[in-house]
Protein backbone atom coordinates (compact mmCIF):
# COMPACT_ATOMS: atom_id res chain seq x y z
CA UNK A 1 -4.77 4.59 21.67
CA UNK A 2 -3.58 5.30 18.16
CA UNK A 3 -4.52 2.97 15.31
CA UNK A 4 -1.12 1.34 15.21
CA UNK A 5 -0.96 0.51 18.68
CA UNK A 6 -4.59 -0.92 18.65
CA UNK A 7 -3.68 -3.10 15.66
CA UNK A 8 -0.50 -4.40 17.37
CA UNK A 9 -2.72 -5.25 20.50
CA UNK A 10 -5.42 -7.15 18.31
CA UNK A 11 -2.44 -8.97 16.49
CA UNK A 12 -1.36 -10.09 19.88
CA UNK A 13 -4.51 -11.40 20.96
CA UNK A 14 -4.88 -13.24 17.66
CA UNK A 15 -1.52 -14.84 18.14
CA UNK A 16 -2.48 -16.30 21.59
CA UNK A 17 -5.93 -17.65 20.36
CA UNK A 18 -5.92 -21.54 19.62
CA UNK A 19 -6.38 -22.30 16.04
CA UNK A 20 -9.64 -24.11 16.54
CA UNK A 21 -11.13 -20.71 17.95
CA UNK A 22 -9.84 -18.69 15.00
CA UNK A 23 -12.61 -20.33 12.85
CA UNK A 24 -15.14 -18.61 15.15
CA UNK A 25 -13.51 -15.20 14.71
CA UNK A 26 -12.94 -15.40 10.91
CA UNK A 27 -16.43 -14.52 9.83
CA UNK A 28 -16.48 -11.49 11.98
CA UNK A 29 -13.16 -10.18 10.69
CA UNK A 30 -14.23 -10.97 7.23
CA UNK A 31 -17.37 -8.84 7.62
CA UNK A 32 -15.33 -5.89 9.19
CA UNK A 33 -12.86 -6.06 6.42
CA UNK A 34 -15.56 -5.51 3.73
CA UNK A 35 -15.56 -1.91 2.16
CA UNK A 36 -18.08 0.43 3.80
CA UNK A 37 -19.51 1.33 0.45
CA UNK A 38 -19.72 -0.18 -2.95
CA UNK A 39 -19.59 1.87 -6.23
CA UNK A 40 -21.95 0.48 -8.81
CA UNK A 41 -21.17 0.87 -12.46
CA UNK A 42 -23.81 -1.13 -13.94
CA UNK A 43 -26.92 0.89 -13.17
CA UNK A 44 -30.21 0.44 -14.89
CA UNK A 45 -31.83 3.40 -16.89
CA UNK A 46 -34.40 3.52 -14.05
CA UNK A 47 -31.59 3.89 -11.42
CA UNK A 48 -29.91 6.52 -13.40
CA UNK A 49 -33.24 8.64 -13.67
CA UNK A 50 -33.71 8.18 -9.75
CA UNK A 51 -30.19 9.57 -9.23
CA UNK A 52 -30.57 12.31 -11.73
CA UNK A 53 -33.95 13.35 -10.20
CA UNK A 54 -32.37 13.45 -6.76
CA UNK A 55 -29.39 15.45 -7.98
CA UNK A 56 -31.69 18.07 -9.61
CA UNK A 57 -33.77 18.32 -6.31
CA UNK A 58 -30.67 18.85 -4.35
CA UNK A 59 -29.40 21.70 -6.86
CA UNK A 60 -32.69 23.37 -6.64
CA UNK A 61 -32.92 23.41 -2.84
CA UNK A 62 -29.79 21.87 -0.82
CA UNK A 63 -31.26 23.19 2.50
CA UNK A 64 -34.02 20.53 2.06
CA UNK A 65 -31.43 17.67 2.48
CA UNK A 66 -29.97 16.24 5.63
CA UNK A 67 -26.12 16.40 5.69
CA UNK A 68 -24.76 12.94 5.83
CA UNK A 69 -22.72 13.76 9.16
CA UNK A 70 -26.03 14.56 10.82
CA UNK A 71 -27.36 10.95 9.92
CA UNK A 72 -24.56 8.80 11.30
């Protein structure tokens, strides 16, 4: 099933759910709608130092790190 068909099917389910039950569903949908990650721009000096250290370690020996696709 493609994403468009799946969305249509889910919308059809939502259309048939009574209003009082939608309140139960709302927190779940709100959680799923959140972005998968957040880009922080207000890092402390300590946090920046931790990131810099990790990047230096990665540059020195990339093979010592686990690729993200192997973690998921």
